[in-house]
N, C-alpha and C. Protein backbone atom coordinates (compact mmCIF):
# COMPACT_ATOMS: atom_id res chain seq x y z
N MET A 1 -13.56 -86.41 -44.60
CA MET A 1 -13.34 -84.94 -44.87
C MET A 1 -14.58 -84.66 -44.35
N THR A 2 -15.22 -85.29 -43.97
CA THR A 2 -16.75 -84.98 -43.75
C THR A 2 -15.65 -84.58 -42.36
N ASN A 3 -15.76 -84.85 -41.71
CA ASN A 3 -15.50 -84.65 -40.33
C ASN A 3 -14.94 -83.71 -39.70
N ILE A 4 -13.73 -83.58 -41.12
CA ILE A 4 -13.17 -81.96 -41.14
C ILE A 4 -13.23 -80.90 -41.16
N SER A 5 -14.87 -80.85 -42.35
CA SER A 5 -15.91 -79.93 -42.33
C SER A 5 -16.54 -79.23 -41.36
N ASN A 6 -17.08 -80.43 -40.54
CA ASN A 6 -18.16 -80.85 -39.58
C ASN A 6 -17.60 -79.78 -38.24
N ARG A 7 -15.90 -80.06 -38.18
CA ARG A 7 -14.90 -79.73 -36.82
C ARG A 7 -14.69 -77.96 -37.60
N HIS A 8 -14.85 -77.46 -38.57
CA HIS A 8 -14.52 -76.49 -39.43
C HIS A 8 -16.29 -75.80 -39.38
N ALA A 9 -16.78 -76.45 -39.11
CA ALA A 9 -18.22 -75.46 -39.34
C ALA A 9 -18.35 -75.61 -37.46
N ILE A 10 -18.25 -76.37 -36.74
CA ILE A 10 -18.67 -76.02 -35.47
C ILE A 10 -17.50 -75.14 -34.61
N SER A 11 -16.50 -74.98 -35.38
CA SER A 11 -15.63 -74.04 -34.87
C SER A 11 -16.25 -72.94 -35.15
N VAL A 12 -16.71 -72.53 -36.68
CA VAL A 12 -16.88 -70.40 -37.21
C VAL A 12 -18.59 -71.03 -36.02
N ILE A 13 -19.71 -71.94 -36.05
CA ILE A 13 -20.08 -71.28 -35.03
C ILE A 13 -19.81 -70.87 -33.74
N ILE A 14 -18.90 -71.55 -32.90
CA ILE A 14 -18.31 -70.98 -31.74
C ILE A 14 -17.91 -69.90 -31.89
N PHE A 15 -17.19 -69.23 -32.68
CA PHE A 15 -16.34 -68.53 -32.81
C PHE A 15 -17.89 -67.23 -32.35
N PHE A 16 -18.37 -67.20 -33.75
CA PHE A 16 -19.98 -66.22 -33.66
C PHE A 16 -20.09 -66.37 -32.96
N MET A 17 -20.96 -67.30 -31.89
CA MET A 17 -21.39 -66.97 -30.80
C MET A 17 -21.17 -66.35 -29.81
N THR A 18 -19.05 -66.88 -29.82
CA THR A 18 -18.31 -66.03 -28.63
C THR A 18 -18.96 -64.32 -29.05
N PHE A 19 -17.96 -63.82 -30.00
CA PHE A 19 -18.37 -63.14 -30.59
C PHE A 19 -19.85 -62.25 -30.21
N PHE A 20 -20.31 -62.55 -30.38
CA PHE A 20 -21.51 -61.66 -30.61
C PHE A 20 -22.05 -61.83 -28.04
N ILE A 21 -21.76 -62.26 -27.56
CA ILE A 21 -21.93 -62.40 -26.37
C ILE A 21 -21.06 -61.35 -25.79
N PHE A 22 -19.91 -61.29 -26.62
CA PHE A 22 -18.95 -60.20 -26.17
C PHE A 22 -19.49 -58.76 -26.86
N LEU A 23 -20.55 -58.99 -27.19
CA LEU A 23 -20.72 -57.86 -27.82
C LEU A 23 -21.61 -57.29 -27.15
N ASN A 24 -22.96 -58.21 -26.15
CA ASN A 24 -24.23 -58.04 -25.61
C ASN A 24 -23.42 -57.99 -24.48
N CYS A 25 -22.16 -57.99 -23.77
CA CYS A 25 -21.78 -58.21 -22.74
C CYS A 25 -21.65 -56.85 -22.45
N GLY A 26 -21.27 -56.25 -20.92
CA GLY A 26 -20.81 -54.71 -20.47
C GLY A 26 -19.30 -55.10 -20.28
N THR A 27 -18.64 -54.72 -19.83
CA THR A 27 -16.99 -54.51 -18.84
C THR A 27 -17.24 -54.29 -17.91
N GLY A 28 -18.42 -54.17 -17.20
CA GLY A 28 -18.25 -54.44 -15.34
C GLY A 28 -17.75 -52.86 -15.32
N ILE A 29 -17.44 -51.83 -15.94
CA ILE A 29 -16.61 -50.67 -14.75
C ILE A 29 -18.00 -49.89 -15.33
N VAL A 30 -18.20 -49.27 -14.40
CA VAL A 30 -19.16 -48.11 -14.40
C VAL A 30 -18.51 -46.07 -14.38
N PRO A 31 -18.76 -46.45 -15.20
CA PRO A 31 -18.30 -44.71 -15.17
C PRO A 31 -18.08 -44.06 -14.01
N SER A 32 -17.21 -43.64 -13.52
CA SER A 32 -17.38 -42.74 -12.66
C SER A 32 -18.01 -41.69 -12.98
N PRO A 33 -19.24 -40.37 -12.18
CA PRO A 33 -19.50 -39.52 -12.21
C PRO A 33 -18.68 -38.28 -12.28
N ASP A 34 -19.27 -37.37 -12.67
CA ASP A 34 -18.89 -35.91 -12.97
C ASP A 34 -18.63 -35.48 -11.92
N PRO A 35 -17.50 -34.68 -11.42
CA PRO A 35 -17.96 -33.27 -9.76
C PRO A 35 -18.67 -32.47 -10.11
N GLY A 36 -18.76 -32.45 -9.44
CA GLY A 36 -19.17 -30.90 -8.49
C GLY A 36 -18.49 -29.86 -7.93
N ILE A 37 -19.01 -28.72 -7.75
CA ILE A 37 -18.15 -27.82 -6.75
C ILE A 37 -19.00 -27.19 -5.63
N ILE A 38 -18.71 -27.45 -4.53
CA ILE A 38 -19.40 -26.46 -2.87
C ILE A 38 -18.23 -25.48 -3.36
N LYS A 39 -19.13 -24.61 -2.88
CA LYS A 39 -18.68 -22.50 -3.01
C LYS A 39 -18.68 -22.81 -1.68
N VAL A 40 -18.11 -21.69 -0.94
CA VAL A 40 -18.26 -20.88 0.72
C VAL A 40 -17.92 -20.06 0.33
N THR A 41 -18.69 -18.74 0.71
CA THR A 41 -18.61 -17.61 1.45
C THR A 41 -18.67 -16.85 2.79
N LEU A 42 -17.90 -16.06 2.84
CA LEU A 42 -17.60 -15.23 4.54
C LEU A 42 -17.36 -14.07 4.11
N GLN A 43 -18.32 -13.48 5.52
CA GLN A 43 -19.09 -12.12 5.17
C GLN A 43 -18.95 -11.49 6.47
N ALA A 44 -19.01 -10.79 6.75
CA ALA A 44 -18.89 -10.35 7.60
C ALA A 44 -20.60 -8.91 8.29
N ASP A 45 -21.17 -9.72 9.38
CA ASP A 45 -22.54 -8.99 9.29
C ASP A 45 -22.14 -7.58 9.75
N PRO A 46 -23.06 -6.71 8.87
CA PRO A 46 -23.31 -5.54 8.45
C PRO A 46 -23.58 -4.56 9.98
N ALA A 47 -24.66 -5.57 10.12
CA ALA A 47 -25.30 -4.93 11.35
C ALA A 47 -23.60 -4.47 12.87
N ASP A 48 -22.68 -5.59 13.03
CA ASP A 48 -22.05 -5.87 14.05
C ASP A 48 -20.91 -5.11 13.65
N THR A 49 -21.41 -3.24 14.97
CA THR A 49 -19.90 -2.47 14.29
C THR A 49 -19.47 -1.47 14.99
N LEU A 50 -20.68 -1.61 16.43
CA LEU A 50 -19.35 -1.48 17.33
C LEU A 50 -19.07 -2.19 18.66
N ILE A 51 -17.69 -1.90 19.36
CA ILE A 51 -17.50 -2.58 20.07
C ILE A 51 -16.72 -1.03 21.20
N VAL A 52 -17.12 -1.79 22.62
CA VAL A 52 -16.64 -1.14 23.94
C VAL A 52 -14.76 -1.28 23.87
N ILE A 53 -13.60 -0.78 24.07
CA ILE A 53 -12.90 -0.18 24.49
C ILE A 53 -12.54 0.55 25.31
N THR A 54 -11.70 0.17 27.04
CA THR A 54 -11.84 0.79 27.74
C THR A 54 -12.99 2.07 28.04
N GLY A 55 -13.90 1.64 27.61
CA GLY A 55 -14.83 2.09 27.87
C GLY A 55 -15.47 3.54 27.13
N ASP A 56 -14.49 3.30 26.10
CA ASP A 56 -14.86 4.04 24.85
C ASP A 56 -15.81 2.87 23.31
N THR A 57 -16.94 3.70 23.27
CA THR A 57 -17.63 2.90 22.40
C THR A 57 -17.34 3.23 21.00
N LEU A 58 -16.39 2.33 20.63
CA LEU A 58 -15.97 2.32 18.96
C LEU A 58 -16.61 2.24 17.83
N THR A 59 -17.21 2.41 16.11
CA THR A 59 -17.75 2.39 15.51
C THR A 59 -16.90 2.42 15.10
N THR A 60 -16.70 0.81 13.44
CA THR A 60 -16.10 0.64 12.45
C THR A 60 -16.39 1.70 10.99
N VAL A 61 -15.17 2.18 11.11
CA VAL A 61 -15.02 2.93 9.26
C VAL A 61 -14.18 2.62 8.56
N PRO A 62 -14.17 3.57 7.11
CA PRO A 62 -12.73 2.18 5.90
C PRO A 62 -11.95 2.55 6.77
N GLY A 63 -11.44 1.90 7.12
CA GLY A 63 -9.67 2.21 7.00
C GLY A 63 -9.07 1.44 8.07
N ASP A 64 -10.49 0.37 8.80
CA ASP A 64 -10.45 -0.36 9.89
C ASP A 64 -10.38 -1.59 8.56
N SER A 65 -8.95 -2.50 9.93
CA SER A 65 -9.00 -3.72 9.38
C SER A 65 -8.70 -4.90 10.49
N PHE A 66 -9.18 -6.65 10.02
CA PHE A 66 -9.85 -7.33 11.01
C PHE A 66 -9.34 -8.43 10.26
N HIS A 67 -7.92 -8.86 9.75
CA HIS A 67 -7.65 -9.69 9.72
C HIS A 67 -7.87 -11.14 10.29
N VAL A 68 -8.54 -12.35 9.15
CA VAL A 68 -8.77 -13.64 9.68
C VAL A 68 -7.57 -15.07 8.61
N LYS A 69 -7.31 -15.60 9.27
CA LYS A 69 -6.88 -16.66 8.79
C LYS A 69 -7.51 -17.93 8.18
N ILE A 70 -8.26 -18.42 7.28
CA ILE A 70 -8.55 -19.38 7.73
C ILE A 70 -7.37 -21.02 6.34
N TYR A 71 -8.24 -21.90 6.63
CA TYR A 71 -7.32 -23.15 6.39
C TYR A 71 -8.07 -24.23 6.52
N GLN A 72 -7.35 -24.80 5.89
CA GLN A 72 -7.92 -26.78 6.13
C GLN A 72 -8.80 -27.49 6.29
N GLY A 73 -9.90 -26.60 5.68
CA GLY A 73 -11.37 -26.75 4.99
C GLY A 73 -11.27 -28.18 4.35
N LYS A 74 -12.49 -28.66 5.01
CA LYS A 74 -13.08 -30.60 5.00
C LYS A 74 -14.35 -30.43 4.89
N ALA A 75 -15.02 -31.41 4.26
CA ALA A 75 -16.80 -31.66 4.13
C ALA A 75 -17.29 -33.02 4.57
N PHE A 76 -17.57 -33.50 4.87
CA PHE A 76 -17.84 -34.27 5.18
C PHE A 76 -19.25 -34.98 4.83
N THR A 77 -19.25 -36.50 4.59
CA THR A 77 -20.24 -37.12 3.37
C THR A 77 -20.77 -38.11 4.90
N ASN A 78 -22.50 -38.18 4.77
CA ASN A 78 -23.34 -38.40 5.54
C ASN A 78 -22.62 -39.69 6.81
N ASP A 79 -21.48 -40.83 5.75
CA ASP A 79 -20.84 -41.72 6.29
C ASP A 79 -19.40 -41.14 6.80
N SER A 80 -19.29 -39.70 7.51
CA SER A 80 -18.05 -39.58 7.71
C SER A 80 -16.79 -39.59 6.82
N THR A 81 -17.71 -40.01 5.76
CA THR A 81 -16.10 -39.60 4.64
C THR A 81 -16.55 -38.37 4.33
N PHE A 82 -14.36 -37.70 4.19
CA PHE A 82 -14.29 -35.74 4.07
C PHE A 82 -13.24 -36.26 2.62
N ALA A 83 -13.64 -34.67 2.45
CA ALA A 83 -12.56 -34.25 0.83
C ALA A 83 -12.47 -33.01 1.55
N ILE A 84 -11.36 -32.86 1.34
CA ILE A 84 -10.48 -31.20 2.03
C ILE A 84 -10.65 -30.54 1.09
N LEU A 85 -10.86 -29.09 1.13
CA LEU A 85 -12.09 -28.08 0.34
C LEU A 85 -10.62 -27.53 0.25
N TYR A 86 -10.51 -26.93 -1.58
CA TYR A 86 -9.54 -26.09 -1.17
C TYR A 86 -9.85 -24.48 -1.66
N GLN A 87 -8.66 -23.63 -1.82
CA GLN A 87 -9.79 -22.51 -2.03
C GLN A 87 -10.03 -21.34 -3.19
N ASN A 88 -10.17 -22.14 -4.40
CA ASN A 88 -10.64 -22.59 -5.26
C ASN A 88 -9.79 -23.88 -6.49
N THR A 89 -10.29 -23.64 -6.98
CA THR A 89 -10.48 -25.26 -8.35
C THR A 89 -9.31 -25.70 -8.90
N SER A 90 -8.02 -24.26 -8.64
CA SER A 90 -6.91 -24.22 -9.56
C SER A 90 -6.01 -24.92 -8.23
N GLU A 91 -6.66 -24.90 -6.97
CA GLU A 91 -5.42 -25.52 -6.35
C GLU A 91 -5.50 -27.01 -5.56
N TYR A 92 -3.88 -27.02 -5.30
CA TYR A 92 -4.09 -28.67 -5.13
C TYR A 92 -3.62 -29.35 -4.24
N TYR A 93 -3.37 -28.32 -3.61
CA TYR A 93 -2.59 -28.15 -2.05
C TYR A 93 -2.99 -26.65 -1.07
N GLU A 94 -3.19 -27.93 0.66
CA GLU A 94 -3.85 -26.91 1.32
C GLU A 94 -2.31 -25.58 1.33
N VAL A 95 -3.55 -24.27 1.24
CA VAL A 95 -2.60 -23.25 1.73
C VAL A 95 -3.24 -22.91 2.52
N GLU A 96 -2.83 -21.03 3.73
CA GLU A 96 -3.86 -20.80 4.50
C GLU A 96 -3.98 -19.37 3.44
N HIS A 97 -5.00 -18.57 4.28
CA HIS A 97 -5.34 -17.73 3.00
C HIS A 97 -5.97 -16.84 4.07
N ASN A 98 -5.72 -14.79 3.90
CA ASN A 98 -5.45 -14.56 4.71
C ASN A 98 -6.55 -13.06 4.52
N TYR A 99 -7.88 -12.60 5.24
CA TYR A 99 -9.44 -11.94 4.63
C TYR A 99 -8.93 -10.68 5.16
N ASN A 100 -9.12 -10.00 4.84
CA ASN A 100 -9.53 -8.26 6.02
C ASN A 100 -11.21 -8.59 6.01
N LEU A 101 -11.49 -8.91 7.14
CA LEU A 101 -13.13 -8.30 7.27
C LEU A 101 -13.90 -7.34 6.95
N PHE A 102 -13.36 -6.51 7.59
CA PHE A 102 -13.78 -4.86 7.36
C PHE A 102 -12.85 -3.95 6.01
N LYS A 103 -12.81 -5.28 5.08
CA LYS A 103 -12.39 -4.39 3.51
C LYS A 103 -14.15 -3.98 2.87
N ARG A 104 -14.50 -2.69 2.30
CA ARG A 104 -15.87 -2.88 1.28
C ARG A 104 -15.32 -2.23 0.24
N GLU A 105 -16.78 -3.23 -0.24
CA GLU A 105 -16.83 -2.29 -1.54
C GLU A 105 -18.01 -2.02 -1.99
N ASP A 106 -18.68 -0.74 -2.18
CA ASP A 106 -20.05 -0.28 -2.67
C ASP A 106 -19.72 0.28 -0.78
N ASP A 107 -18.90 0.15 -0.14
CA ASP A 107 -19.60 0.58 1.26
C ASP A 107 -20.42 -0.50 2.27
N ILE A 108 -20.10 -1.37 1.64
CA ILE A 108 -20.79 -3.22 2.02
C ILE A 108 -19.75 -3.69 2.73
N TYR A 109 -19.12 -4.71 3.99
CA TYR A 109 -18.78 -5.67 3.99
C TYR A 109 -18.31 -6.51 2.28
N LYS A 110 -17.28 -6.76 2.52
CA LYS A 110 -16.91 -7.69 1.37
C LYS A 110 -17.09 -9.06 1.42
N GLU A 111 -17.63 -9.64 0.62
CA GLU A 111 -17.90 -11.19 0.26
C GLU A 111 -16.57 -11.93 0.15
N TYR A 112 -16.55 -12.76 0.53
CA TYR A 112 -15.20 -13.28 0.29
C TYR A 112 -16.21 -14.89 -0.27
N THR A 113 -14.67 -15.75 -1.59
CA THR A 113 -15.24 -17.01 -1.45
C THR A 113 -14.00 -17.53 -0.87
N ILE A 114 -14.03 -18.11 0.34
CA ILE A 114 -12.96 -18.54 1.18
C ILE A 114 -13.17 -20.57 0.16
N PHE A 115 -13.73 -21.20 0.19
CA PHE A 115 -13.24 -22.53 -0.60
C PHE A 115 -14.28 -22.49 -1.55
N GLN A 116 -13.61 -23.02 -2.66
CA GLN A 116 -14.58 -23.35 -4.50
C GLN A 116 -13.91 -24.96 -4.75
N SER A 117 -13.83 -25.07 -4.10
CA SER A 117 -13.74 -26.94 -4.01
C SER A 117 -14.19 -27.64 -5.67
N PHE A 118 -13.44 -28.87 -5.74
CA PHE A 118 -14.77 -30.31 -6.50
C PHE A 118 -14.76 -31.60 -5.52
N LEU A 119 -16.09 -31.49 -6.04
CA LEU A 119 -16.68 -32.22 -4.78
C LEU A 119 -17.38 -34.34 -5.67
N PRO A 120 -16.80 -35.42 -5.36
CA PRO A 120 -17.80 -36.46 -5.96
C PRO A 120 -19.31 -36.08 -5.55
N PRO A 121 -20.20 -35.86 -5.99
CA PRO A 121 -20.87 -35.98 -6.34
C PRO A 121 -21.80 -37.17 -4.53
N ASP A 122 -22.67 -36.14 -3.80
CA ASP A 122 -22.95 -36.97 -2.47
C ASP A 122 -24.02 -35.70 -1.92
N ASN A 123 -24.66 -36.99 -0.64
CA ASN A 123 -25.10 -36.02 0.30
C ASN A 123 -24.02 -35.53 1.30
N TYR A 124 -23.62 -34.59 1.92
CA TYR A 124 -23.07 -34.24 2.81
C TYR A 124 -23.32 -33.49 4.19
N SER A 125 -23.24 -33.86 5.22
CA SER A 125 -23.44 -33.39 6.73
C SER A 125 -23.41 -32.61 7.70
N LYS A 126 -21.83 -31.72 6.11
CA LYS A 126 -20.35 -30.47 7.82
C LYS A 126 -19.47 -30.51 7.28
N ILE A 127 -18.99 -29.55 7.01
CA ILE A 127 -18.15 -28.97 6.86
C ILE A 127 -17.33 -28.67 7.80
N GLU A 128 -15.90 -27.99 7.98
CA GLU A 128 -15.49 -27.48 9.04
C GLU A 128 -13.77 -27.10 8.02
N PHE A 129 -13.57 -25.56 9.32
CA PHE A 129 -12.34 -24.97 9.26
C PHE A 129 -11.88 -24.93 9.97
N ALA A 130 -10.84 -24.32 9.98
CA ALA A 130 -9.74 -23.53 10.68
C ALA A 130 -9.36 -22.35 11.04
N ILE A 131 -10.25 -21.12 12.08
CA ILE A 131 -9.94 -19.69 11.26
C ILE A 131 -9.41 -18.95 12.57
N ASN A 132 -8.15 -18.18 12.31
CA ASN A 132 -8.19 -17.51 13.71
C ASN A 132 -7.47 -16.31 12.85
N SER A 133 -7.47 -15.14 14.30
CA SER A 133 -7.13 -13.85 14.24
C SER A 133 -6.38 -12.49 14.67
N GLU A 134 -5.24 -12.11 14.82
CA GLU A 134 -4.31 -11.88 15.57
C GLU A 134 -4.08 -10.54 16.45
N PHE A 135 -4.52 -9.49 15.62
CA PHE A 135 -5.07 -8.57 14.86
C PHE A 135 -5.59 -7.73 15.03
N LEU A 136 -6.87 -7.22 15.52
CA LEU A 136 -7.67 -5.83 15.39
C LEU A 136 -7.23 -4.06 15.07
N LEU A 137 -7.43 -3.82 14.18
CA LEU A 137 -7.12 -2.66 14.12
C LEU A 137 -7.77 -2.03 13.40
N LEU A 138 -8.88 -0.50 14.86
CA LEU A 138 -9.96 0.61 13.98
C LEU A 138 -9.05 2.40 14.34
N THR A 139 -8.65 2.56 12.90
CA THR A 139 -8.53 3.66 12.67
C THR A 139 -9.33 4.95 13.91
N ARG A 140 -10.69 4.60 14.02
CA ARG A 140 -10.91 6.06 15.22
C ARG A 140 -10.83 5.63 16.98
N GLY A 141 -9.91 4.87 16.87
CA GLY A 141 -10.04 4.86 18.28
C GLY A 141 -8.81 5.34 18.79
N PHE A 142 -9.47 5.24 20.60
CA PHE A 142 -8.36 6.44 20.99
C PHE A 142 -7.95 8.04 21.03
N ALA A 143 -9.07 8.77 20.30
CA ALA A 143 -9.26 10.45 19.37
C ALA A 143 -8.20 9.82 18.59
N TYR A 144 -8.38 9.34 18.13
CA TYR A 144 -8.20 9.07 16.44
C TYR A 144 -6.67 8.62 15.71
N GLY A 145 -6.27 8.25 17.71
CA GLY A 145 -4.70 8.02 16.96
C GLY A 145 -4.69 6.38 16.69
N GLY A 146 -6.09 5.93 16.52
CA GLY A 146 -6.01 4.36 16.06
C GLY A 146 -5.63 3.29 17.60
N ILE A 147 -6.27 2.68 16.90
CA ILE A 147 -6.00 1.78 18.64
C ILE A 147 -5.70 -0.12 17.94
N GLY A 148 -4.93 -0.76 18.77
CA GLY A 148 -4.53 -1.45 17.38
C GLY A 148 -4.74 -2.83 18.90
N ILE A 149 -5.87 -3.88 18.37
CA ILE A 149 -5.97 -5.46 19.81
C ILE A 149 -5.31 -6.39 19.45
N PRO A 150 -4.69 -6.60 19.81
CA PRO A 150 -3.92 -8.36 19.93
C PRO A 150 -5.01 -9.11 20.54
N MET A 151 -4.98 -10.61 19.79
CA MET A 151 -6.46 -11.85 20.38
C MET A 151 -5.46 -12.73 20.28
N GLU A 152 -5.70 -13.71 20.70
CA GLU A 152 -5.73 -15.99 20.94
C GLU A 152 -6.77 -15.58 20.99
N ILE A 153 -6.43 -17.36 20.38
CA ILE A 153 -7.47 -18.65 20.87
C ILE A 153 -7.10 -18.67 22.19
N PRO A 154 -8.37 -19.16 22.81
CA PRO A 154 -8.51 -19.23 24.54
C PRO A 154 -7.16 -20.52 24.53
N PRO A 155 -6.25 -20.57 25.65
CA PRO A 155 -5.78 -21.58 25.57
C PRO A 155 -6.61 -22.55 25.70
N GLU A 156 -6.21 -23.84 25.18
CA GLU A 156 -6.68 -25.40 25.42
C GLU A 156 -8.13 -24.95 24.56
N SER A 157 -8.09 -24.18 23.18
CA SER A 157 -9.40 -23.94 22.57
C SER A 157 -8.97 -23.71 21.60
N SER A 158 -9.67 -25.14 20.12
CA SER A 158 -9.69 -25.51 18.80
C SER A 158 -9.63 -24.20 17.81
N PRO A 159 -8.74 -23.85 17.11
CA PRO A 159 -9.44 -23.36 16.42
C PRO A 159 -9.96 -23.84 15.20
N PHE A 160 -10.48 -24.90 14.91
CA PHE A 160 -11.84 -25.64 14.30
C PHE A 160 -12.34 -25.13 14.72
N ILE A 161 -13.52 -24.80 13.78
CA ILE A 161 -15.03 -24.71 14.24
C ILE A 161 -16.17 -25.99 13.09
N GLU A 162 -16.65 -26.27 13.50
CA GLU A 162 -17.92 -27.70 12.73
C GLU A 162 -19.47 -26.31 11.87
N PHE A 163 -19.63 -26.78 11.64
CA PHE A 163 -20.60 -26.24 10.82
C PHE A 163 -22.11 -27.40 10.05
N PRO A 164 -22.22 -28.23 11.38
CA PRO A 164 -23.72 -29.44 10.96
C PRO A 164 -24.69 -28.70 9.98
N VAL A 165 -24.62 -29.03 8.77
CA VAL A 165 -25.43 -28.72 7.85
C VAL A 165 -25.46 -29.52 6.51
N ASN A 166 -26.95 -30.11 6.35
CA ASN A 166 -26.98 -31.16 4.92
C ASN A 166 -27.16 -29.74 3.69
N PHE A 167 -26.18 -30.68 2.43
CA PHE A 167 -26.05 -31.28 1.36
C PHE A 167 -25.98 -31.79 0.40
N LYS A 168 -25.95 -31.18 -1.03
CA LYS A 168 -26.13 -31.98 -1.42
C LYS A 168 -25.29 -31.77 -2.88
N ILE A 169 -24.40 -32.71 -3.10
CA ILE A 169 -23.03 -32.25 -4.65
C ILE A 169 -24.30 -32.85 -5.71
N ASP A 170 -24.16 -32.33 -6.53
CA ASP A 170 -24.25 -33.12 -8.05
C ASP A 170 -23.94 -32.30 -9.11
N GLU A 171 -24.34 -33.51 -9.69
CA GLU A 171 -22.46 -33.52 -11.44
C GLU A 171 -23.34 -32.11 -11.91
N ASN A 172 -21.73 -32.19 -11.67
CA ASN A 172 -21.42 -29.88 -12.83
C ASN A 172 -22.67 -28.98 -12.42
N SER A 173 -23.08 -29.37 -10.78
CA SER A 173 -23.42 -27.81 -10.80
C SER A 173 -22.55 -26.66 -9.25
N ILE A 174 -23.32 -25.99 -8.85
CA ILE A 174 -22.40 -25.51 -7.81
C ILE A 174 -23.25 -25.70 -6.64
N THR A 175 -22.71 -26.08 -5.66
CA THR A 175 -23.30 -25.79 -3.97
C THR A 175 -23.11 -24.31 -3.50
N GLU A 176 -24.19 -23.81 -3.07
CA GLU A 176 -22.90 -22.33 -2.32
C GLU A 176 -23.60 -22.41 -1.27
N ILE A 177 -22.87 -22.57 -0.17
CA ILE A 177 -23.05 -22.07 1.38
C ILE A 177 -22.36 -20.50 1.90
N LYS A 178 -23.29 -20.33 2.35
CA LYS A 178 -22.76 -18.96 2.89
C LYS A 178 -22.57 -18.56 4.02
N ILE A 179 -21.53 -17.82 4.96
CA ILE A 179 -21.18 -17.94 6.16
C ILE A 179 -21.10 -16.06 6.77
N GLU A 180 -21.67 -16.51 8.27
CA GLU A 180 -21.83 -15.29 8.42
C GLU A 180 -20.46 -14.65 9.48
N ILE A 181 -19.99 -14.30 9.50
CA ILE A 181 -19.44 -13.69 11.01
C ILE A 181 -19.81 -12.60 11.11
N ARG A 182 -19.22 -12.40 12.87
CA ARG A 182 -19.84 -11.16 13.82
C ARG A 182 -18.43 -10.65 14.78
N PRO A 183 -17.51 -10.20 13.80
CA PRO A 183 -16.15 -9.97 14.35
C PRO A 183 -16.03 -9.20 15.16
N LEU A 184 -16.27 -7.92 15.43
CA LEU A 184 -16.82 -7.13 16.81
C LEU A 184 -17.33 -8.69 17.71
N GLN A 185 -17.92 -8.82 17.67
CA GLN A 185 -18.60 -10.32 19.02
C GLN A 185 -18.00 -10.90 18.86
N SER A 186 -16.88 -11.69 18.31
CA SER A 186 -15.89 -11.97 18.43
C SER A 186 -14.64 -12.19 19.41
N VAL A 187 -14.47 -10.29 19.68
CA VAL A 187 -13.22 -10.48 20.78
C VAL A 187 -13.75 -9.99 21.56
N ILE A 188 -13.35 -11.01 22.52
CA ILE A 188 -13.64 -11.55 23.48
C ILE A 188 -12.83 -10.28 24.61
N ARG A 189 -12.98 -9.59 26.23
CA ARG A 189 -11.69 -9.57 26.78
C ARG A 189 -11.91 -10.77 27.99
N TYR A 190 -10.48 -10.57 28.37
CA TYR A 190 -10.45 -11.39 29.32
C TYR A 190 -9.09 -11.44 30.07
N LYS A 191 -9.47 -10.64 31.58
CA LYS A 191 -8.80 -9.69 32.10
C LYS A 191 -7.84 -8.14 31.47
N ASP A 192 -6.39 -8.68 30.88
CA ASP A 192 -6.20 -7.96 30.44
C ASP A 192 -6.14 -8.35 28.78
N LEU A 193 -6.32 -9.40 28.66
CA LEU A 193 -6.25 -10.10 27.15
C LEU A 193 -7.53 -9.54 25.92
N PHE A 194 -7.44 -10.14 25.22
CA PHE A 194 -8.24 -10.15 24.68
C PHE A 194 -8.21 -11.38 23.63
N HIS A 195 -9.43 -12.85 23.05
CA HIS A 195 -9.62 -13.86 22.59
C HIS A 195 -10.35 -13.98 21.85
N PHE A 196 -10.36 -14.37 20.50
CA PHE A 196 -10.53 -14.53 19.23
C PHE A 196 -11.35 -15.67 19.39
N GLU A 197 -12.87 -15.92 19.62
CA GLU A 197 -13.57 -15.99 19.60
C GLU A 197 -14.86 -16.73 18.24
N PRO A 198 -14.57 -16.64 17.08
CA PRO A 198 -15.34 -17.08 16.66
C PRO A 198 -17.25 -17.14 16.64
N ASP A 199 -17.81 -15.96 16.01
CA ASP A 199 -18.99 -15.68 15.98
C ASP A 199 -19.29 -15.98 14.84
N LEU A 200 -20.14 -17.34 14.17
CA LEU A 200 -20.52 -17.62 12.83
C LEU A 200 -21.64 -18.37 13.02
N GLU A 201 -22.09 -17.96 11.62
CA GLU A 201 -23.45 -18.72 11.87
C GLU A 201 -23.85 -19.25 10.25
N VAL A 202 -24.57 -20.73 9.31
CA VAL A 202 -24.44 -20.95 8.37
C VAL A 202 -24.99 -19.96 7.98
N ARG A 203 -25.73 -18.83 7.06
CA ARG A 203 -27.24 -18.33 6.29
C ARG A 203 -27.51 -18.29 5.29
N SER A 204 -27.31 -19.41 4.53
CA SER A 204 -27.69 -20.43 3.67
C SER A 204 -26.75 -21.15 2.96
N VAL A 205 -28.25 -21.91 2.22
CA VAL A 205 -27.33 -22.84 1.25
C VAL A 205 -28.55 -23.57 0.05
N SER A 206 -27.72 -22.72 -1.30
CA SER A 206 -28.54 -22.96 -2.47
C SER A 206 -27.61 -23.94 -3.48
N ASN A 207 -27.84 -23.83 -4.80
CA ASN A 207 -27.77 -24.15 -6.02
C ASN A 207 -28.06 -23.36 -6.64
N PRO A 208 -27.10 -22.19 -7.18
CA PRO A 208 -27.13 -21.24 -7.64
C PRO A 208 -27.15 -20.82 -9.16
N TYR A 209 -26.56 -22.06 -9.28
CA TYR A 209 -26.17 -22.25 -10.92
C TYR A 209 -27.21 -23.89 -11.42
């Protein structure tokens, strides 16, 4: 009887030791951090308003249009891992979006949000996206009859533009990157053709929210 009691007591002690060890041990699973958001905007340079076509100097006015297509955005970490950028946080597959660079709001060129996407918290070193345009319409060209200028990307050129820019994504915050384009400076005459060679630059990087 004594041996049975001793074995029972030892079993109870082992049970409670195991229970307390379990309580004091972690699962080994580290919870994933909440994502942050990258917001990328694009706006035409307000000073880029003149272009010379067949000897005529033309100035942009309301009603002109310069549509660009933007697609396949990516953000790269310092170790070259990349994440796909979407136009908004409700989008979950890549879609080509069109923007009229000459559209005005309060008499200035509209600033577009071309990407607003969740990203894992990390340090990033580059963003990339494709941009293309095929047609420029100036309504006051050719003595106000209007002039349309078809364009194409130069042969053997890529529509993808890389922006080496260092930025950090923090949990539950927004990092904003503002990009400016000089649309008319991007229209290059080549023989009897016009090439679209986008002239862009990053104007600022901030955490506004």
